[in-house]
Amino acid sequence: MIKVWHHFLCRGDALPRGEVIEALADAGLDACCLDADAPAGRGVIFFDEITNRACELLREVSRNGVERVLAIAASRTVLTNGNAWRLLRAGASDVFAWDHFRDPAAEVAARFHRWEKVDALVSSVQNSLVGQSRAWMTTLRQIVEVASFTSASVLLLGESGTGKEMAARLIHSLDARTNKRDLVVLDCTTIVPDLSGSEFFGHERGAFTGAVAARDGAFALADGGTLFLDEVGELPPALQAELLRVAQERTYKRVGSNVWRQADFRLVCATNRDLLTEVEQGRFRRDLYSRIAAWTCKLPPLGERPEDIIPLARRFILELRPDGETLEIDEPVREYLLKRQYPANVRDLKQLVTRMVYRHVGPGPITVGDIPEEDRPSIEAVLENWCDSSFEQAIRRALAQGLGLKEIGRTAEDTAERIAVDEEMGNLQRAAHRLGVTDRALQIRRASRKKTRDLEIVGLNE
């Protein structure tokens, strides 16, 4: 039995609650009521109307999409006018209507069974692939699922330093093939044009000057395993054409040979280019793109996952302290790390942390003096207003949708509270300190919000 919680936001008998819970139990789900004081874990929310408060609740219980929460509408009409997408943006892992399936409880159970397997694998690799932000968890779950449950070719997109090679290695390690062979890595930026055929296809003895012996190329070496083509967007057009046949039919000839050979490998490619733009501009073959991009996954830049900056920094510190001694990060350093730009993404952060650790002495926390002078922010950067253009755009959108000062202010406060509690892993004392309020004040706010929500639910069910 898989344990899940359930929560109903339905008026009257829009959904027969008792029958729904019984159907979930018959499908193998141990469902209990949501604990609003400490929402955690996977669960199901039932709606008969999509409101702002309902979306706020979904964001809270899903921890902004980190926890697996299924949003189920009482009928298909509830999910019209873009409401399904609205629920996904609020943190739902999937959305559908209870009346859409012959056996909806079985559909719910099937999703939770798959998610349980995926999340168990994600947990097993998070020591090396650190991160709990929604952007990173969504990406990691996608990579794990396609690696473990499919044999599809994968195209990894992302800026330099986002971890594309680590993702490729993860795909290979989780590949479910029996008797799987090696991962072969080929950096397309280092291939010499004159020798590219040999690099990919191999060659026979005497095929060209200097070919004193036969040699296997990348395709032969990857047979039975995985071929990772890094920076595939750098391949010249001629080599793209040659690669197409291999990607399509898994057959090739060595340079200097007339014999067709077979190679059965999983193909994983990566690039920091926008390949669709390259296709439109004629620099990358459309037919090749369709072959290598059976599944596309974009790794988020560090700027889109700021919640992971401090956990990543702590991980790098631990790696640099072989004695196992942990170092805390002083608050001004935390603030600096969160505000800094990282052109090379995670790689940039790791190099910065390495420089700070090398300068640090003593058992105390890392302080601003450990930051090398060339890495320190300018006065202008220090004084930069946190209320930037993106914040202003969010307010403009709220006003355009008819929201007033009261609702905008309440949403801002609730969002700040949710983020602080989430980033401090539910520790209300630390979250209150970051919010500049007392522990008691934070507890009162959360209790008041819960009471308001409970009253709304009672109203719905009357």
Protein backbone atom coordinates (compact mmCIF):
# COMPACT_ATOMS: atom_id res chain seq x y z
CA MET A 1 0.00 0.00 0.00
CA ILE A 2 1.24 3.48 -0.86
CA LYS A 3 0.47 6.12 1.75
CA VAL A 4 -1.06 9.35 0.46
CA TRP A 5 -3.15 12.13 1.93
CA HIS A 6 -6.37 13.48 0.49
CA HIS A 7 -8.06 16.86 0.70
CA PHE A 8 -11.45 17.90 -0.70
CA LEU A 9 -12.28 21.42 -1.87
CA CYS A 10 -15.70 20.54 -3.22
CA ARG A 11 -19.15 21.91 -2.58
CA GLY A 12 -21.84 19.50 -1.42
CA ASP A 13 -21.84 16.23 -3.34
CA ALA A 14 -19.83 17.39 -6.36
CA LEU A 15 -17.75 14.29 -5.58
CA PRO A 16 -19.03 11.50 -3.28
CA ARG A 17 -16.22 11.63 -0.73
CA GLY A 18 -16.84 8.24 0.86
CA GLU A 19 -16.98 6.46 -2.49
CA VAL A 20 -13.83 8.19 -3.70
CA ILE A 21 -11.82 7.24 -0.59
CA GLU A 22 -13.08 3.65 -0.80
CA ALA A 23 -12.10 3.47 -4.48
CA LEU A 24 -8.59 4.72 -3.65
CA ALA A 25 -8.25 2.03 -0.97
CA ASP A 26 -9.39 -0.67 -3.41
CA ALA A 27 -6.73 0.58 -5.84
CA GLY A 28 -4.00 0.04 -3.23
CA LEU A 29 -3.68 3.52 -1.75
CA ASP A 30 -3.68 4.07 2.01
CA ALA A 31 -5.33 7.51 2.02
CA CYS A 32 -5.70 9.69 5.12
CA CYS A 33 -6.79 13.30 5.65
CA LEU A 34 -4.26 16.06 5.02
CA ASP A 35 -2.62 17.36 8.19
CA ALA A 36 -2.89 21.09 7.53
CA ASP A 37 -0.55 21.87 10.46
CA ALA A 38 2.31 19.96 8.87
CA PRO A 39 1.54 19.17 5.22
CA ALA A 40 4.10 16.77 3.84
CA GLY A 41 4.46 13.97 1.36
CA ARG A 42 2.42 12.94 -1.64
CA GLY A 43 -1.32 13.45 -1.84
CA VAL A 44 -4.44 14.23 -3.82
CA ILE A 45 -6.51 17.43 -3.84
CA PHE A 46 -10.04 17.29 -5.24
CA PHE A 47 -11.51 20.49 -6.73
CA ASP A 48 -14.82 21.58 -8.13
CA GLU A 49 -13.61 25.15 -8.76
CA ILE A 50 -10.17 26.62 -9.38
CA THR A 51 -9.59 29.73 -7.25
CA ASN A 52 -6.56 31.76 -6.19
CA ARG A 53 -6.81 30.35 -2.66
CA ALA A 54 -6.97 26.80 -4.04
CA CYS A 55 -3.79 27.43 -6.03
CA GLU A 56 -2.09 28.89 -2.93
CA LEU A 57 -2.99 25.74 -0.99
CA LEU A 58 -1.60 23.60 -3.80
CA ARG A 59 1.67 25.57 -3.81
CA GLU A 60 1.99 25.11 -0.05
CA VAL A 61 1.25 21.39 0.21
CA SER A 62 3.36 20.58 -2.86
CA ARG A 63 6.19 22.81 -1.62
CA ASN A 64 5.98 24.62 -4.94
CA GLY A 65 6.08 21.41 -6.94
CA VAL A 66 8.67 19.44 -4.97
CA GLU A 67 6.16 17.03 -3.38
CA ARG A 68 4.04 14.83 -5.65
CA VAL A 69 0.49 16.18 -5.52
CA LEU A 70 -2.25 15.10 -7.91
CA ALA A 71 -4.96 17.67 -8.64
CA ILE A 72 -8.27 16.06 -9.58
CA ALA A 73 -11.29 18.00 -10.79
CA ALA A 74 -14.82 16.85 -10.06
CA SER A 75 -15.67 17.14 -13.76
CA ARG A 76 -13.99 17.91 -17.07
CA THR A 77 -15.68 21.31 -17.29
CA VAL A 78 -13.60 22.54 -14.32
CA LEU A 79 -10.40 22.16 -16.37
CA THR A 80 -11.43 24.41 -19.26
CA ASN A 81 -10.09 27.92 -19.94
CA GLY A 82 -6.51 27.00 -19.08
CA ASN A 83 -7.23 25.82 -15.54
CA ALA A 84 -5.26 22.60 -16.00
CA TRP A 85 -2.12 24.59 -16.85
CA ARG A 86 -2.80 26.92 -13.92
CA LEU A 87 -2.78 23.94 -11.54
CA LEU A 88 0.46 22.59 -13.04
CA ARG A 89 2.13 25.98 -12.53
CA ALA A 90 0.90 25.98 -8.93
CA GLY A 91 2.80 22.74 -8.27
CA ALA A 92 0.57 19.83 -9.31
CA SER A 93 2.43 16.81 -10.70
CA ASP A 94 -0.56 15.90 -12.87
CA VAL A 95 -4.11 17.11 -13.43
CA PHE A 96 -7.19 15.29 -14.68
CA ALA A 97 -10.92 14.99 -14.07
CA TRP A 98 -12.42 12.20 -11.97
CA ASP A 99 -15.15 11.60 -14.56
CA HIS A 100 -12.67 11.33 -17.44
CA PHE A 101 -11.68 7.68 -16.83
CA ARG A 102 -13.57 4.44 -16.45
CA ASP A 103 -11.51 3.62 -13.35
CA PRO A 104 -10.08 6.92 -12.03
CA ALA A 105 -8.77 5.40 -8.79
CA ALA A 106 -6.60 2.99 -10.80
CA GLU A 107 -5.24 5.97 -12.76
CA VAL A 108 -4.33 7.70 -9.48
CA ALA A 109 -2.64 4.55 -8.15
CA ALA A 110 -0.68 4.03 -11.39
CA ARG A 111 0.77 7.53 -11.19
CA PHE A 112 1.81 7.19 -7.56
CA HIS A 113 3.40 3.79 -8.19
CA ARG A 114 5.50 5.25 -11.03
CA TRP A 115 6.38 8.37 -9.02
CA GLU A 116 7.40 6.25 -6.03
CA LYS A 117 9.92 4.35 -8.19
CA VAL A 118 11.22 7.53 -9.81
CA ASP A 119 11.55 9.39 -6.52
CA ALA A 120 13.36 6.47 -4.89
CA LEU A 121 15.94 6.60 -7.69
CA VAL A 122 16.18 10.39 -7.39
CA SER A 123 16.89 10.07 -3.66
CA SER A 124 19.63 7.55 -4.38
CA VAL A 125 21.54 9.98 -6.64
CA GLN A 126 21.04 13.27 -4.78
CA ASN A 127 24.35 12.96 -2.93
CA SER A 128 26.08 13.70 -6.22
CA LEU A 129 23.36 15.77 -7.90
CA VAL A 130 22.45 18.21 -5.13
CA GLY A 131 19.30 20.30 -5.26
CA GLN A 132 15.76 20.58 -3.93
CA SER A 133 14.39 23.47 -6.00
CA ARG A 134 11.37 22.86 -8.17
CA ALA A 135 13.38 23.55 -11.33
CA TRP A 136 16.04 21.02 -10.42
CA MET A 137 13.69 18.35 -9.05
CA THR A 138 11.55 18.55 -12.19
CA THR A 139 14.64 18.12 -14.35
CA LEU A 140 16.15 15.33 -12.27
CA ARG A 141 12.88 13.39 -12.17
CA GLN A 142 12.58 13.71 -15.94
CA ILE A 143 16.12 12.43 -16.48
CA VAL A 144 15.64 9.52 -14.08
CA GLU A 145 12.34 8.51 -15.65
CA VAL A 146 13.55 8.53 -19.25
CA ALA A 147 16.76 6.73 -18.25
CA SER A 148 15.09 3.96 -16.26
CA PHE A 149 11.83 3.35 -18.09
CA THR A 150 12.72 3.97 -21.74
CA SER A 151 15.52 3.30 -24.21
CA ALA A 152 15.01 6.64 -25.97
CA SER A 153 17.79 8.79 -27.35
CA VAL A 154 18.15 11.89 -25.20
CA LEU A 155 19.17 15.43 -26.11
CA LEU A 156 20.46 17.45 -23.15
CA LEU A 157 20.26 21.21 -23.53
CA GLY A 158 21.68 23.86 -21.24
CA GLU A 159 24.28 26.49 -20.65
CA SER A 160 27.89 25.65 -19.92
CA GLY A 161 28.35 24.37 -16.39
CA THR A 162 24.78 23.18 -15.78
CA GLY A 163 25.81 19.52 -15.47
CA LYS A 164 25.06 17.99 -18.87
CA GLU A 165 27.87 15.44 -18.67
CA MET A 166 26.81 14.41 -15.17
CA ALA A 167 23.27 13.95 -16.50
CA ALA A 168 24.58 11.80 -19.35
CA ARG A 169 26.48 9.62 -16.89
CA LEU A 170 23.34 9.32 -14.77
CA ILE A 171 21.30 8.21 -17.79
CA HIS A 172 23.89 5.53 -18.52
CA SER A 173 24.07 4.32 -14.92
CA LEU A 174 20.27 4.02 -14.62
CA ASP A 175 19.76 2.37 -18.01
CA ALA A 176 17.92 -0.88 -17.29
CA ARG A 177 19.55 -2.99 -20.02
CA THR A 178 21.04 -6.25 -18.85
CA ASN A 179 24.75 -6.81 -19.59
CA LYS A 180 25.14 -3.12 -20.34
CA ARG A 181 28.59 -2.12 -21.52
CA ASP A 182 30.54 1.13 -21.19
CA LEU A 183 29.74 4.80 -21.58
CA VAL A 184 31.81 6.30 -24.41
CA VAL A 185 32.27 10.09 -24.35
CA LEU A 186 33.16 12.00 -27.50
CA ASP A 187 33.64 15.77 -27.36
CA CYS A 188 32.61 17.08 -30.76
CA THR A 189 34.61 20.31 -30.28
CA THR A 190 37.90 18.39 -30.24
CA ILE A 191 37.40 16.36 -33.40
CA VAL A 192 39.92 17.14 -36.15
CA PRO A 193 37.96 17.35 -39.45
CA ASP A 194 40.46 15.22 -41.37
CA LEU A 195 40.25 12.47 -38.76
CA SER A 196 36.55 12.73 -37.93
CA GLY A 197 35.64 9.60 -39.91
CA SER A 198 38.14 7.54 -37.99
CA GLU A 199 37.00 8.99 -34.65
CA PHE A 200 33.40 7.97 -35.28
CA PHE A 201 33.61 4.95 -37.59
CA GLY A 202 37.09 3.56 -36.98
CA HIS A 203 39.39 2.55 -39.83
CA GLU A 204 41.09 -0.40 -41.44
CA ARG A 205 44.85 -0.86 -41.60
CA GLY A 206 46.26 1.18 -44.49
CA ALA A 207 43.07 3.20 -44.98
CA PHE A 208 45.17 6.39 -44.99
CA THR A 209 48.72 7.51 -44.29
CA GLY A 210 49.58 6.64 -40.72
CA ALA A 211 46.88 3.96 -40.34
CA VAL A 212 49.36 1.25 -39.36
CA ALA A 213 46.70 -0.85 -37.65
CA ALA A 214 42.94 -1.24 -37.63
CA ARG A 215 41.13 0.87 -35.06
CA ASP A 216 37.65 0.89 -33.53
CA GLY A 217 35.79 4.18 -33.55
CA ALA A 218 33.25 5.55 -31.10
CA PHE A 219 30.37 3.54 -32.56
CA ALA A 220 32.13 0.22 -32.09
CA LEU A 221 33.36 1.13 -28.62
CA ALA A 222 29.83 2.10 -27.56
CA ASP A 223 28.25 -1.12 -28.86
CA GLY A 224 26.10 -2.51 -26.04
CA GLY A 225 26.53 0.65 -24.00
CA THR A 226 25.93 4.39 -24.32
CA LEU A 227 27.45 6.93 -26.70
CA PHE A 228 27.57 10.46 -25.35
CA LEU A 229 28.23 13.14 -27.97
CA ASP A 230 29.08 16.32 -26.08
CA GLU A 231 28.49 19.63 -27.91
CA VAL A 232 26.83 17.88 -30.81
CA GLY A 233 25.81 21.28 -32.19
CA GLU A 234 29.43 21.84 -33.25
CA LEU A 235 29.40 19.01 -35.82
CA PRO A 236 30.02 20.21 -39.41
CA PRO A 237 27.25 19.49 -41.98
CA ALA A 238 29.17 16.68 -43.71
CA LEU A 239 29.59 14.76 -40.48
CA GLN A 240 25.96 15.38 -39.54
CA ALA A 241 24.94 13.57 -42.72
CA GLU A 242 27.16 10.60 -41.89
CA LEU A 243 25.90 10.47 -38.32
CA LEU A 244 22.29 10.39 -39.50
CA ARG A 245 22.49 6.85 -40.90
CA VAL A 246 24.07 5.50 -37.74
CA ALA A 247 21.50 7.26 -35.54
CA GLN A 248 18.73 5.91 -37.74
CA GLU A 249 19.84 2.36 -38.56
CA ARG A 250 22.74 1.69 -36.18
CA THR A 251 24.92 0.56 -39.11
CA TYR A 252 28.26 1.95 -40.29
CA LYS A 253 31.43 1.19 -42.26
CA ARG A 254 34.97 1.63 -41.08
CA VAL A 255 37.06 4.04 -43.14
CA GLY A 256 38.68 1.92 -45.87
CA SER A 257 36.16 -0.95 -45.55
CA ASN A 258 33.17 -2.10 -47.57
CA VAL A 259 31.70 -4.17 -44.74
CA TRP A 260 28.63 -2.88 -42.90
CA ARG A 261 28.83 -3.30 -39.15
CA GLN A 262 26.12 -3.16 -36.49
CA ALA A 263 26.33 -1.10 -33.32
CA ASP A 264 23.58 -1.18 -30.71
CA PHE A 265 23.99 1.73 -28.32
CA ARG A 266 21.93 4.32 -26.52
CA LEU A 267 22.61 7.78 -27.91
CA VAL A 268 22.84 10.76 -25.57
CA CYS A 269 23.76 14.16 -27.01
CA ALA A 270 24.37 17.52 -25.37
CA THR A 271 24.77 21.09 -26.55
CA ASN A 272 24.71 24.63 -25.23
CA ARG A 273 23.32 25.84 -28.57
CA ASP A 274 19.65 26.39 -29.38
CA LEU A 275 19.43 23.53 -31.87
CA LEU A 276 15.95 24.43 -33.08
CA THR A 277 17.28 27.86 -34.09
CA GLU A 278 20.24 26.12 -35.72
CA VAL A 279 17.79 23.95 -37.66
CA GLU A 280 15.73 26.93 -38.80
CA GLN A 281 18.87 28.71 -39.97
CA GLY A 282 20.10 25.67 -41.88
CA ARG A 283 23.16 24.96 -39.73
CA PHE A 284 21.87 21.69 -38.26
CA ARG A 285 20.01 18.97 -40.14
CA ARG A 286 16.33 18.71 -39.26
CA ASP A 287 16.26 14.94 -39.86
CA LEU A 288 19.24 14.44 -37.54
CA TYR A 289 17.63 16.60 -34.88
CA SER A 290 14.51 14.46 -34.94
CA ARG A 291 16.66 11.33 -34.47
CA ILE A 292 18.74 12.54 -31.52
CA ALA A 293 15.90 14.38 -29.76
CA ALA A 294 13.47 11.54 -29.07
CA TRP A 295 13.46 13.02 -25.58
CA THR A 296 14.69 16.54 -24.86
CA CYS A 297 15.70 17.75 -21.43
CA LYS A 298 16.85 21.27 -20.61
CA LEU A 299 19.04 21.65 -17.54
CA PRO A 300 18.23 24.89 -15.70
CA PRO A 301 20.94 27.52 -15.17
CA LEU A 302 21.85 28.28 -11.58
CA GLY A 303 19.99 31.59 -11.79
CA GLU A 304 16.72 29.64 -12.15
CA ARG A 305 17.40 27.54 -9.05
CA PRO A 306 18.67 30.00 -6.41
CA GLU A 307 17.33 27.77 -3.61
CA ASP A 308 20.08 25.28 -4.48
CA ILE A 309 23.01 27.71 -4.22
CA ILE A 310 23.61 27.29 -0.48
CA PRO A 311 23.11 23.48 -0.45
CA LEU A 312 25.52 23.20 -3.40
CA ALA A 313 28.05 25.42 -1.63
CA ARG A 314 27.83 23.25 1.49
CA ARG A 315 28.34 20.15 -0.62
CA PHE A 316 31.46 21.60 -2.23
CA ILE A 317 32.81 22.61 1.19
CA LEU A 318 32.33 19.04 2.41
CA GLU A 319 34.17 17.66 -0.62
CA LEU A 320 37.08 20.01 0.07
CA ARG A 321 37.36 18.97 3.74
CA PRO A 322 38.50 15.35 3.57
CA ASP A 323 38.66 15.21 7.37
CA GLY A 324 34.85 15.45 7.42
CA GLU A 325 34.88 18.73 9.33
CA THR A 326 31.92 20.88 8.33
CA LEU A 327 32.14 24.65 8.03
CA GLU A 328 29.19 26.96 8.47
CA ILE A 329 28.63 29.90 6.13
CA ASP A 330 28.33 33.32 7.77
CA GLU A 331 25.16 35.26 6.95
CA PRO A 332 26.88 38.01 4.89
CA VAL A 333 28.56 35.28 2.82
CA ARG A 334 25.23 33.56 2.29
CA GLU A 335 23.77 36.85 1.11
CA TYR A 336 26.73 37.37 -1.22
CA LEU A 337 26.44 33.88 -2.72
CA LEU A 338 22.72 34.32 -3.36
CA LYS A 339 23.10 37.71 -5.05
CA ARG A 340 26.16 36.90 -7.16
CA GLN A 341 25.97 36.12 -10.89
CA TYR A 342 27.35 32.77 -12.08
CA PRO A 343 28.20 32.91 -15.81
CA ALA A 344 29.52 29.34 -15.73
CA ASN A 345 26.67 28.18 -13.47
CA VAL A 346 27.43 25.34 -11.01
CA ARG A 347 31.02 25.14 -12.23
CA ASP A 348 31.45 28.82 -11.39
CA LEU A 349 30.00 28.35 -7.91
CA LYS A 350 32.29 25.39 -7.21
CA GLN A 351 35.38 27.34 -8.23
CA LEU A 352 34.36 30.27 -6.03
CA VAL A 353 33.71 28.04 -3.01
CA THR A 354 37.06 26.33 -3.59
CA ARG A 355 38.87 29.69 -3.46
CA MET A 356 37.08 30.64 -0.25
CA VAL A 357 37.83 27.32 1.46
CA TYR A 358 41.52 27.54 0.53
CA ARG A 359 41.71 30.98 2.18
CA HIS A 360 39.79 29.96 5.29
CA VAL A 361 41.52 29.18 8.57
CA GLY A 362 40.15 28.18 11.96
CA PRO A 363 37.14 26.09 12.99
CA GLY A 364 34.64 28.95 12.72
CA PRO A 365 32.34 29.78 9.81
CA ILE A 366 33.45 31.04 6.41
CA THR A 367 33.36 34.85 6.58
CA VAL A 368 33.53 37.70 4.07
CA GLY A 369 37.29 37.95 4.55
CA ASP A 370 37.61 34.51 2.95
CA ILE A 371 36.22 35.88 -0.31
CA PRO A 372 39.19 36.78 -2.57
CA GLU A 373 39.39 40.46 -3.45
CA GLU A 374 38.84 39.86 -7.14
CA ASP A 375 35.53 38.09 -6.32
CA ARG A 376 34.17 40.76 -4.00
CA PRO A 377 31.17 42.78 -5.20
CA SER A 378 31.42 46.42 -6.18
CA ILE A 379 29.74 49.10 -4.08
CA GLU A 380 27.09 49.45 -6.78
CA ALA A 381 26.29 45.74 -6.58
CA VAL A 382 26.10 45.84 -2.79
CA LEU A 383 23.64 48.72 -2.89
CA GLU A 384 21.55 47.22 -5.70
CA ASN A 385 17.84 47.27 -4.93
CA TRP A 386 16.32 43.79 -4.55
CA CYS A 387 13.10 45.23 -5.95
CA ASP A 388 14.15 44.87 -9.57
CA SER A 389 12.29 44.91 -12.89
CA SER A 390 10.99 41.33 -12.49
CA PHE A 391 9.31 42.28 -9.22
CA GLU A 392 7.78 45.34 -10.87
CA GLN A 393 6.50 43.21 -13.75
CA ALA A 394 4.80 40.84 -11.30
CA ILE A 395 3.02 43.80 -9.66
CA ARG A 396 1.98 45.11 -13.07
CA ARG A 397 0.45 41.72 -13.93
CA ALA A 398 -1.41 41.62 -10.62
CA LEU A 399 -2.84 45.10 -11.15
CA ALA A 400 -3.81 44.22 -14.72
CA GLN A 401 -5.78 41.26 -13.37
CA GLY A 402 -7.70 43.52 -10.99
CA LEU A 403 -5.93 42.69 -7.72
CA GLY A 404 -5.81 45.41 -5.08
CA LEU A 405 -3.20 46.41 -2.51
CA LYS A 406 -4.61 44.12 0.17
CA GLU A 407 -4.43 40.96 -1.93
CA ILE A 408 -1.06 41.85 -3.47
CA GLY A 409 0.41 42.52 -0.01
CA ARG A 410 -1.03 39.34 1.46
CA THR A 411 0.27 37.28 -1.46
CA ALA A 412 3.75 38.79 -1.10
CA GLU A 413 3.81 38.03 2.64
CA ASP A 414 2.50 34.49 2.16
CA THR A 415 5.04 33.85 -0.60
CA ALA A 416 7.94 35.12 1.51
CA GLU A 417 6.79 32.96 4.41
CA ARG A 418 6.42 29.86 2.24
CA ILE A 419 9.86 30.31 0.68
CA ALA A 420 11.56 30.88 4.05
CA VAL A 421 9.92 27.83 5.65
CA ASP A 422 10.69 25.72 2.59
CA GLU A 423 14.35 26.78 2.37
CA GLU A 424 14.82 26.10 6.10
CA MET A 425 13.31 22.62 5.63
CA GLY A 426 10.33 23.37 7.88
CA ASN A 427 12.37 24.82 10.76
CA LEU A 428 10.09 27.65 11.94
CA GLN A 429 12.70 29.16 14.26
CA ARG A 430 15.21 29.72 11.45
CA ALA A 431 12.46 30.79 9.04
CA ALA A 432 11.18 33.37 11.52
CA HIS A 433 14.70 34.76 11.94
CA ARG A 434 15.04 35.21 8.18
CA LEU A 435 11.61 36.86 7.99
CA GLY A 436 12.44 39.26 10.81
CA VAL A 437 9.61 38.10 13.07
CA THR A 438 9.42 36.12 16.28
CA ASP A 439 8.78 32.39 16.32
CA ARG A 440 5.44 33.09 17.98
CA ALA A 441 4.40 35.62 15.33
CA LEU A 442 5.14 33.13 12.56
CA GLN A 443 3.18 30.40 14.34
CA ILE A 444 0.21 32.75 14.79
CA ARG A 445 0.30 33.69 11.09
CA ARG A 446 0.29 30.08 10.01
CA ALA A 447 -2.48 29.15 12.46
CA SER A 448 -4.58 32.10 11.28
CA ARG A 449 -4.15 31.11 7.66
CA LYS A 450 -5.09 27.50 8.47
CA LYS A 451 -8.23 28.69 10.28
CA THR A 452 -9.24 30.82 7.30
CA ARG A 453 -8.71 27.88 4.97
CA ASP A 454 -10.69 25.53 7.22
CA LEU A 455 -13.59 27.99 7.33
CA GLU A 456 -13.53 28.17 3.52
CA ILE A 457 -13.65 24.38 3.31
CA VAL A 458 -16.57 24.21 5.77
CA GLY A 459 -18.37 26.76 3.64
CA LEU A 460 -17.80 24.68 0.54
CA ASN A 461 -19.17 21.55 2.16
CA GLU A 462 -22.32 23.13 3.65
